[in-house]
Protein backbone atom coordinates (compact mmCIF):
# COMPACT_ATOMS: atom_id res chain seq x y z
CA UNK A 1 9.97 -12.30 -1.13
CA UNK A 2 7.46 -9.81 0.31
CA UNK A 3 3.90 -11.49 0.57
CA UNK A 4 0.54 -9.55 -0.21
CA UNK A 5 -1.83 -10.11 1.97
CA UNK A 6 -5.64 -9.64 0.35
CA UNK A 7 -8.36 -7.77 2.48
CA UNK A 8 -11.87 -7.88 2.08
CA UNK A 9 -14.41 -5.49 3.68
CA UNK A 10 -16.49 -7.31 6.62
CA UNK A 11 -20.15 -6.78 5.68
CA UNK A 12 -21.74 -6.83 9.13
CA UNK A 13 -22.46 -10.39 9.11
CA UNK A 14 -21.63 -11.91 12.78
CA UNK A 15 -20.72 -15.45 11.18
CA UNK A 16 -17.55 -13.62 9.32
CA UNK A 17 -16.13 -12.96 12.94
CA UNK A 18 -16.99 -16.40 14.52
CA UNK A 19 -14.07 -17.76 12.40
CA UNK A 20 -12.10 -15.82 14.66
CA UNK A 21 -12.82 -17.84 17.96
CA UNK A 22 -9.99 -19.23 19.74
CA UNK A 23 -7.50 -16.34 17.73
CA UNK A 24 -5.47 -14.24 20.30
CA UNK A 25 -4.04 -10.41 19.65
CA UNK A 26 -0.53 -10.61 19.06
CA UNK A 27 -0.05 -7.46 17.39
CA UNK A 28 -1.23 -3.67 17.07
CA UNK A 29 0.07 -0.96 14.92
CA UNK A 30 -0.86 1.19 11.89
CA UNK A 31 -1.20 -0.06 8.19
CA UNK A 32 -2.83 1.39 5.61
CA UNK A 33 -5.86 -0.21 3.40
CA UNK A 34 -6.62 1.40 -0.42
CA UNK A 35 -3.72 4.26 1.07
CA UNK A 36 -6.37 4.88 3.75
CA UNK A 37 -4.79 4.81 7.31
CA UNK A 38 -5.96 1.76 9.16
CA UNK A 39 -5.32 0.61 13.06
CA UNK A 40 -4.25 -2.87 12.30
CA UNK A 41 -4.53 -6.26 14.71
CA UNK A 42 -2.92 -8.95 14.22
CA UNK A 43 -4.76 -12.18 15.51
CA UNK A 44 -3.20 -16.27 16.04
CA UNK A 45 -4.24 -19.10 17.13
CA UNK A 46 -2.12 -22.07 18.81
CA UNK A 47 -1.67 -23.50 15.15
CA UNK A 48 0.44 -20.44 13.90
CA UNK A 49 -2.38 -19.09 11.46
CA UNK A 50 -2.90 -15.41 11.78
CA UNK A 51 -5.40 -13.02 10.27
CA UNK A 52 -5.52 -9.45 10.24
CA UNK A 53 -8.17 -6.94 11.33
CA UNK A 54 -7.95 -3.54 10.01
CA UNK A 55 -10.48 -0.40 10.83
CA UNK A 56 -10.45 2.39 9.49
CA UNK A 57 -12.85 5.25 9.10
CA UNK A 58 -14.51 3.64 6.23
CA UNK A 59 -14.91 0.13 7.61
CA UNK A 60 -13.65 -3.21 8.82
CA UNK A 61 -11.42 -5.40 6.62
CA UNK A 62 -10.57 -8.74 7.26
CA UNK A 63 -7.55 -10.46 5.24
CA UNK A 64 -6.84 -13.87 4.23
CA UNK A 65 -5.11 -16.71 7.14
CA UNK A 66 -2.16 -17.09 6.55
CA UNK A 67 0.66 -19.42 8.34
CA UNK A 68 3.17 -17.73 10.46
CA UNK A 69 6.34 -18.89 11.60
CA UNK A 70 7.82 -19.37 15.46
CA UNK A 71 9.16 -16.07 14.72
CA UNK A 72 5.49 -14.22 13.59
CA UNK A 73 7.47 -14.17 10.05
CA UNK A 74 4.68 -15.08 7.21
CA UNK A 75 5.49 -18.32 6.15
CA UNK A 76 6.38 -18.58 2.31
CA UNK A 77 6.93 -22.37 2.08
CA UNK A 78 9.55 -21.73 -0.70
CA UNK A 79 12.20 -23.16 1.54
CA UNK A 80 10.23 -26.46 1.96
C-alpha cells in the first residue's frame, strides 16, 4: 500500500519551523507538489519520526509527520 503524505504550505511563521528542532537531513531528492517540480528534503529525528520539506518556485511546503522503519520505509501499521 502506497502512503499518500499531505503537504501544507509554509505560511512564513517561525513557529511552524520550530517543530523541526532536533531533526536531521537524511535524504535530498526531486519531487513534485501539485504537478510542480520541487526539491524534496527528508528530515528525521532520533525516534524515527520523519517530515518532508519541499521547496518550489511558488513556496515551501511541509508534510505531516510520519513514522519510519529502521530501513527508512514509511510505517503502515497494517502488519502490527
